[in-house]
Amino acid sequence: VTPYEIVTKVMIVPAAMIAVMFPVFASTYADNPQRTSAVYERALRVLVLVSFPLLLAVVLFAKEALTLWVGASFAGESAPVMRWLAVGIFANAVAQAPFALLQGTGRPDLTAKLHLLELPLYVIMLWSLAHTSGIVGVAIAWTVRVVFDAVAMQLMASRRIPGLAQLVEPTLRIALLGRAARSLTFSRVGAA
């Protein structure tokens, strides 16, 4: 619970942004899809640029921060969980843009269908990884699910507005580079 409570605080910024993005997408989609695309691209860029440094710091200093706060024995067990959750929160933060776009452009059914599709796969993965890897496995299962969710929603959003995929491609490359940097960080700190 402690690692989850810490890393989910980063979602304050994406949650605030989604409250602003939704009405913009809803009001511009029918009359000005180019404006919708431009707002979407900027929102996605802000989500990546705000979330990445904060969550990279969590990945790099999870054990040290937890040691200072709750002690070394707790930190040793919780740091890997915190690192995995930070990766998932990054994916979830980035997913707020396509989620708001789909909702704001009148297709909430797409996210609902996606979540129904994910549910049985997630339950199987969760059960399996919880049995083999304990609480770290639970964090891995959740992270895999939200990364899949982010990718799937981005694909659905790209189909919703023509030309959106090309517009957001540079930002998505930054996000992928961020994930690669996190992978290197995981191997360096021995968390994976």
C-alpha atoms as a PDB file:
ATOM      1  CA  VAL A   1       0.000   0.000   0.000  1.00  0.00           C
ATOM      2  CA  THR A   2       2.779   2.449   0.867  1.00  0.00           C
ATOM      3  CA  PRO A   3       4.511   2.331  -2.559  1.00  0.00           C
ATOM      4  CA  TYR A   4       1.136   2.597  -4.289  1.00  0.00           C
ATOM      5  CA  GLU A   5       0.126   5.624  -2.223  1.00  0.00           C
ATOM      6  CA  ILE A   6       3.392   7.368  -3.057  1.00  0.00           C
ATOM      7  CA  VAL A   7       3.499   6.811  -6.824  1.00  0.00           C
ATOM      8  CA  THR A   8      -0.193   7.466  -7.433  1.00  0.00           C
ATOM      9  CA  LYS A   9       0.261  11.049  -6.229  1.00  0.00           C
ATOM     10  CA  VAL A  10       1.850  11.729  -9.627  1.00  0.00           C
ATOM     11  CA  MET A  11      -1.606  11.157 -11.164  1.00  0.00           C
ATOM     12  CA  ILE A  12      -2.795  14.486  -9.745  1.00  0.00           C
ATOM     13  CA  VAL A  13      -1.487  16.332 -12.815  1.00  0.00           C
ATOM     14  CA  PRO A  14      -2.992  13.941 -15.407  1.00  0.00           C
ATOM     15  CA  ALA A  15      -6.306  13.949 -13.530  1.00  0.00           C
ATOM     16  CA  ALA A  16      -6.375  17.746 -13.596  1.00  0.00           C
ATOM     17  CA  MET A  17      -5.517  17.756 -17.290  1.00  0.00           C
ATOM     18  CA  ILE A  18      -8.235  15.269 -18.182  1.00  0.00           C
ATOM     19  CA  ALA A  19     -10.799  17.565 -16.553  1.00  0.00           C
ATOM     20  CA  VAL A  20      -9.712  20.308 -18.966  1.00  0.00           C
ATOM     21  CA  MET A  21      -9.123  18.159 -22.049  1.00  0.00           C
ATOM     22  CA  PHE A  22     -12.496  16.421 -22.064  1.00  0.00           C
ATOM     23  CA  PRO A  23     -14.615  19.541 -22.749  1.00  0.00           C
ATOM     24  CA  VAL A  24     -12.081  20.837 -25.289  1.00  0.00           C
ATOM     25  CA  PHE A  25     -12.208  17.572 -27.213  1.00  0.00           C
ATOM     26  CA  ALA A  26     -15.991  17.467 -26.984  1.00  0.00           C
ATOM     27  CA  SER A  27     -16.394  21.022 -28.253  1.00  0.00           C
ATOM     28  CA  THR A  28     -13.819  20.959 -31.076  1.00  0.00           C
ATOM     29  CA  TYR A  29     -14.143  17.434 -32.475  1.00  0.00           C
ATOM     30  CA  ALA A  30     -17.155  17.950 -34.757  1.00  0.00           C
ATOM     31  CA  ASP A  31     -16.259  21.411 -36.078  1.00  0.00           C
ATOM     32  CA  ASN A  32     -12.479  21.519 -35.970  1.00  0.00           C
ATOM     33  CA  PRO A  33     -10.736  18.119 -35.788  1.00  0.00           C
ATOM     34  CA  GLN A  34      -7.388  19.765 -36.582  1.00  0.00           C
ATOM     35  CA  ARG A  35      -7.682  21.801 -33.374  1.00  0.00           C
ATOM     36  CA  THR A  36      -8.612  18.641 -31.506  1.00  0.00           C
ATOM     37  CA  SER A  37      -5.464  16.974 -32.860  1.00  0.00           C
ATOM     38  CA  ALA A  38      -3.277  19.927 -31.907  1.00  0.00           C
ATOM     39  CA  VAL A  39      -4.687  20.095 -28.371  1.00  0.00           C
ATOM     40  CA  TYR A  40      -4.299  16.339 -28.038  1.00  0.00           C
ATOM     41  CA  GLU A  41      -0.656  16.416 -29.110  1.00  0.00           C
ATOM     42  CA  ARG A  42       0.162  19.208 -26.650  1.00  0.00           C
ATOM     43  CA  ALA A  43      -1.662  17.452 -23.825  1.00  0.00           C
ATOM     44  CA  LEU A  44       0.170  14.196 -24.535  1.00  0.00           C
ATOM     45  CA  ARG A  45       3.501  16.021 -24.592  1.00  0.00           C
ATOM     46  CA  VAL A  46       2.791  17.714 -21.250  1.00  0.00           C
ATOM     47  CA  LEU A  47       1.744  14.405 -19.701  1.00  0.00           C
ATOM     48  CA  VAL A  48       5.003  12.772 -20.803  1.00  0.00           C
ATOM     49  CA  LEU A  49       7.218  15.713 -19.834  1.00  0.00           C
ATOM     50  CA  VAL A  50       5.644  16.151 -16.394  1.00  0.00           C
ATOM     51  CA  SER A  51       5.320  12.474 -15.489  1.00  0.00           C
ATOM     52  CA  PHE A  52       8.618  11.117 -16.737  1.00  0.00           C
ATOM     53  CA  PRO A  53      11.092  13.032 -14.518  1.00  0.00           C
ATOM     54  CA  LEU A  54       9.004  12.489 -11.395  1.00  0.00           C
ATOM     55  CA  LEU A  55       8.595   8.780 -11.993  1.00  0.00           C
ATOM     56  CA  LEU A  56      12.202   8.317 -13.073  1.00  0.00           C
ATOM     57  CA  ALA A  57      13.204   9.767  -9.698  1.00  0.00           C
ATOM     58  CA  VAL A  58      10.900   7.234  -8.025  1.00  0.00           C
ATOM     59  CA  VAL A  59      12.532   4.375  -9.953  1.00  0.00           C
ATOM     60  CA  LEU A  60      16.044   5.600  -9.193  1.00  0.00           C
ATOM     61  CA  PHE A  61      15.543   6.401  -5.519  1.00  0.00           C
ATOM     62  CA  ALA A  62      12.728   4.099  -4.396  1.00  0.00           C
ATOM     63  CA  LYS A  63      14.812   2.156  -1.916  1.00  0.00           C
ATOM     64  CA  GLU A  64      16.522   5.213  -0.457  1.00  0.00           C
ATOM     65  CA  ALA A  65      13.277   7.147  -0.057  1.00  0.00           C
ATOM     66  CA  LEU A  66      11.476   4.213   1.525  1.00  0.00           C
ATOM     67  CA  THR A  67      14.439   3.571   3.826  1.00  0.00           C
ATOM     68  CA  LEU A  68      14.296   7.136   5.102  1.00  0.00           C
ATOM     69  CA  TRP A  69      10.558   7.015   5.533  1.00  0.00           C
ATOM     70  CA  VAL A  70       9.727   3.519   6.835  1.00  0.00           C
ATOM     71  CA  GLY A  71      13.021   1.744   7.481  1.00  0.00           C
ATOM     72  CA  ALA A  72      15.472  -0.514   5.676  1.00  0.00           C
ATOM     73  CA  SER A  73      13.680  -3.858   6.069  1.00  0.00           C
ATOM     74  CA  PHE A  74      10.415  -2.490   4.661  1.00  0.00           C
ATOM     75  CA  ALA A  75      12.261  -0.648   1.888  1.00  0.00           C
ATOM     76  CA  GLY A  76      14.060  -3.789   0.770  1.00  0.00           C
ATOM     77  CA  GLU A  77      10.767  -5.579   0.186  1.00  0.00           C
ATOM     78  CA  SER A  78       8.789  -2.606  -1.140  1.00  0.00           C
ATOM     79  CA  ALA A  79      11.261  -0.892  -3.479  1.00  0.00           C
ATOM     80  CA  PRO A  80      10.784  -3.371  -6.366  1.00  0.00           C
ATOM     81  CA  VAL A  81       7.016  -2.983  -6.043  1.00  0.00           C
ATOM     82  CA  MET A  82       7.359   0.788  -6.064  1.00  0.00           C
ATOM     83  CA  ARG A  83       9.546   0.685  -9.177  1.00  0.00           C
ATOM     84  CA  TRP A  84       7.087  -1.482 -11.097  1.00  0.00           C
ATOM     85  CA  LEU A  85       4.181   0.693 -10.027  1.00  0.00           C
ATOM     86  CA  ALA A  86       6.062   3.804 -11.180  1.00  0.00           C
ATOM     87  CA  VAL A  87       6.365   2.328 -14.684  1.00  0.00           C
ATOM     88  CA  GLY A  88       2.650   1.539 -14.644  1.00  0.00           C
ATOM     89  CA  ILE A  89       1.748   5.013 -13.418  1.00  0.00           C
ATOM     90  CA  PHE A  90       3.779   6.494 -16.269  1.00  0.00           C
ATOM     91  CA  ALA A  91       1.801   4.439 -18.792  1.00  0.00           C
ATOM     92  CA  ASN A  92      -1.428   5.333 -17.016  1.00  0.00           C
ATOM     93  CA  ALA A  93      -0.552   9.042 -17.031  1.00  0.00           C
ATOM     94  CA  VAL A  94       0.151   8.961 -20.763  1.00  0.00           C
ATOM     95  CA  ALA A  95      -3.101   7.023 -21.326  1.00  0.00           C
ATOM     96  CA  GLN A  96      -5.142   9.889 -19.900  1.00  0.00           C
ATOM     97  CA  ALA A  97      -4.917  11.778 -23.207  1.00  0.00           C
ATOM     98  CA  PRO A  98      -6.415   9.054 -25.426  1.00  0.00           C
ATOM     99  CA  PHE A  99      -8.931   8.210 -22.718  1.00  0.00           C
ATOM    100  CA  ALA A 100     -10.161  11.821 -22.633  1.00  0.00           C
ATOM    101  CA  LEU A 101     -10.189  11.986 -26.427  1.00  0.00           C
ATOM    102  CA  LEU A 102     -12.297   8.851 -26.776  1.00  0.00           C
ATOM    103  CA  GLN A 103     -14.689   9.994 -24.061  1.00  0.00           C
ATOM    104  CA  GLY A 104     -14.890  13.551 -25.362  1.00  0.00           C
ATOM    105  CA  THR A 105     -15.528  12.535 -28.956  1.00  0.00           C
ATOM    106  CA  GLY A 106     -18.498  10.384 -28.084  1.00  0.00           C
ATOM    107  CA  ARG A 107     -16.932   6.927 -27.941  1.00  0.00           C
ATOM    108  CA  PRO A 108     -16.875   5.899 -24.270  1.00  0.00           C
ATOM    109  CA  ASP A 109     -17.984   2.466 -25.449  1.00  0.00           C
ATOM    110  CA  LEU A 110     -14.503   1.830 -26.857  1.00  0.00           C
ATOM    111  CA  THR A 111     -12.798   2.177 -23.489  1.00  0.00           C
ATOM    112  CA  ALA A 112     -15.515   0.083 -21.846  1.00  0.00           C
ATOM    113  CA  LYS A 113     -15.077  -2.696 -24.427  1.00  0.00           C
ATOM    114  CA  LEU A 114     -11.303  -2.543 -24.005  1.00  0.00           C
ATOM    115  CA  HIS A 115     -11.593  -2.897 -20.245  1.00  0.00           C
ATOM    116  CA  LEU A 116     -13.990  -5.832 -20.612  1.00  0.00           C
ATOM    117  CA  LEU A 117     -11.519  -7.495 -22.981  1.00  0.00           C
ATOM    118  CA  GLU A 118      -8.645  -6.893 -20.553  1.00  0.00           C
ATOM    119  CA  LEU A 119     -10.449  -8.203 -17.481  1.00  0.00           C
ATOM    120  CA  PRO A 120     -10.139 -11.985 -17.987  1.00  0.00           C
ATOM    121  CA  LEU A 121      -6.566 -11.669 -19.267  1.00  0.00           C
ATOM    122  CA  TYR A 122      -5.643  -9.484 -16.303  1.00  0.00           C
ATOM    123  CA  VAL A 123      -7.236 -11.847 -13.790  1.00  0.00           C
ATOM    124  CA  ILE A 124      -5.300 -14.810 -15.212  1.00  0.00           C
ATOM    125  CA  MET A 125      -2.041 -12.866 -15.281  1.00  0.00           C
ATOM    126  CA  LEU A 126      -2.661 -11.487 -11.800  1.00  0.00           C
ATOM    127  CA  TRP A 127      -3.376 -14.905 -10.334  1.00  0.00           C
ATOM    128  CA  SER A 128      -0.360 -16.481 -12.032  1.00  0.00           C
ATOM    129  CA  LEU A 129       2.139 -13.769 -11.142  1.00  0.00           C
ATOM    130  CA  ALA A 130       0.839 -13.430  -7.590  1.00  0.00           C
ATOM    131  CA  HIS A 131       1.476 -17.139  -7.061  1.00  0.00           C
ATOM    132  CA  THR A 132       4.929 -17.115  -8.626  1.00  0.00           C
ATOM    133  CA  SER A 133       6.262 -13.709  -7.564  1.00  0.00           C
ATOM    134  CA  GLY A 134       4.087 -12.497  -4.696  1.00  0.00           C
ATOM    135  CA  ILE A 135       3.365  -8.805  -4.345  1.00  0.00           C
ATOM    136  CA  VAL A 136       6.002  -7.925  -6.953  1.00  0.00           C
ATOM    137  CA  GLY A 137       4.099 -10.162  -9.378  1.00  0.00           C
ATOM    138  CA  VAL A 138       0.904  -8.259  -8.613  1.00  0.00           C
ATOM    139  CA  ALA A 139       2.678  -4.987  -9.431  1.00  0.00           C
ATOM    140  CA  ILE A 140       4.045  -6.483 -12.656  1.00  0.00           C
ATOM    141  CA  ALA A 141       0.585  -7.724 -13.689  1.00  0.00           C
ATOM    142  CA  TRP A 142      -0.960  -4.314 -13.088  1.00  0.00           C
ATOM    143  CA  THR A 143       1.843  -2.579 -14.983  1.00  0.00           C
ATOM    144  CA  VAL A 144       1.515  -4.909 -17.978  1.00  0.00           C
ATOM    145  CA  ARG A 145      -2.237  -4.272 -18.038  1.00  0.00           C
ATOM    146  CA  VAL A 146      -1.953  -0.478 -17.951  1.00  0.00           C
ATOM    147  CA  VAL A 147       0.803  -0.456 -20.593  1.00  0.00           C
ATOM    148  CA  PHE A 148      -1.420  -2.578 -22.852  1.00  0.00           C
ATOM    149  CA  ASP A 149      -4.323  -0.247 -22.047  1.00  0.00           C
ATOM    150  CA  ALA A 150      -2.277   2.847 -22.940  1.00  0.00           C
ATOM    151  CA  VAL A 151      -1.132   1.388 -26.255  1.00  0.00           C
ATOM    152  CA  ALA A 152      -4.615   0.161 -27.195  1.00  0.00           C
ATOM    153  CA  MET A 153      -6.262   3.486 -26.340  1.00  0.00           C
ATOM    154  CA  GLN A 154      -3.636   5.376 -28.331  1.00  0.00           C
ATOM    155  CA  LEU A 155      -4.376   3.176 -31.344  1.00  0.00           C
ATOM    156  CA  MET A 156      -8.119   3.758 -30.936  1.00  0.00           C
ATOM    157  CA  ALA A 157      -7.600   7.516 -30.583  1.00  0.00           C
ATOM    158  CA  SER A 158      -5.419   7.548 -33.706  1.00  0.00           C
ATOM    159  CA  ARG A 159      -8.217   5.900 -35.677  1.00  0.00           C
ATOM    160  CA  ARG A 160     -10.709   8.434 -34.345  1.00  0.00           C
ATOM    161  CA  ILE A 161      -8.936  11.479 -35.812  1.00  0.00           C
ATOM    162  CA  PRO A 162      -7.201  11.196 -39.210  1.00  0.00           C
ATOM    163  CA  GLY A 163      -3.565  12.272 -39.102  1.00  0.00           C
ATOM    164  CA  LEU A 164      -3.332  12.038 -35.320  1.00  0.00           C
ATOM    165  CA  ALA A 165      -0.850   9.152 -35.412  1.00  0.00           C
ATOM    166  CA  GLN A 166       1.710  11.181 -37.366  1.00  0.00           C
ATOM    167  CA  LEU A 167       1.200  14.210 -35.134  1.00  0.00           C
ATOM    168  CA  VAL A 168       1.834  12.376 -31.866  1.00  0.00           C
ATOM    169  CA  GLU A 169       4.577  10.052 -33.132  1.00  0.00           C
ATOM    170  CA  PRO A 170       7.474  12.220 -31.813  1.00  0.00           C
ATOM    171  CA  THR A 171       5.901  12.395 -28.347  1.00  0.00           C
ATOM    172  CA  LEU A 172       5.304   8.654 -28.310  1.00  0.00           C
ATOM    173  CA  ARG A 173       8.954   8.133 -29.233  1.00  0.00           C
ATOM    174  CA  ILE A 174       9.903  10.196 -26.188  1.00  0.00           C
ATOM    175  CA  ALA A 175       7.645   7.965 -24.071  1.00  0.00           C
ATOM    176  CA  LEU A 176       9.271   4.834 -25.508  1.00  0.00           C
ATOM    177  CA  LEU A 177      12.726   6.261 -24.828  1.00  0.00           C
ATOM    178  CA  GLY A 178      11.527   6.888 -21.298  1.00  0.00           C
ATOM    179  CA  ARG A 179      10.516   3.283 -20.948  1.00  0.00           C
ATOM    180  CA  ALA A 180      13.884   2.172 -22.308  1.00  0.00           C
ATOM    181  CA  ALA A 181      15.656   4.413 -19.792  1.00  0.00           C
ATOM    182  CA  ARG A 182      13.588   2.869 -17.042  1.00  0.00           C
ATOM    183  CA  SER A 183      14.520  -0.611 -18.224  1.00  0.00           C
ATOM    184  CA  LEU A 184      18.187   0.304 -18.013  1.00  0.00           C
ATOM    185  CA  THR A 185      17.558   1.763 -14.577  1.00  0.00           C
ATOM    186  CA  PHE A 186      15.819  -1.438 -13.468  1.00  0.00           C
ATOM    187  CA  SER A 187      18.777  -3.525 -14.526  1.00  0.00           C
ATOM    188  CA  ARG A 188      21.181  -1.133 -12.799  1.00  0.00           C
ATOM    189  CA  VAL A 189      19.351  -1.178  -9.482  1.00  0.00           C
ATOM    190  CA  GLY A 190      18.523  -4.875  -9.654  1.00  0.00           C
ATOM    191  CA  ALA A 191      14.759  -4.387  -9.455  1.00  0.00           C
ATOM    192  CA  ALA A 192      13.617  -6.370 -12.468  1.00  0.00           C
END
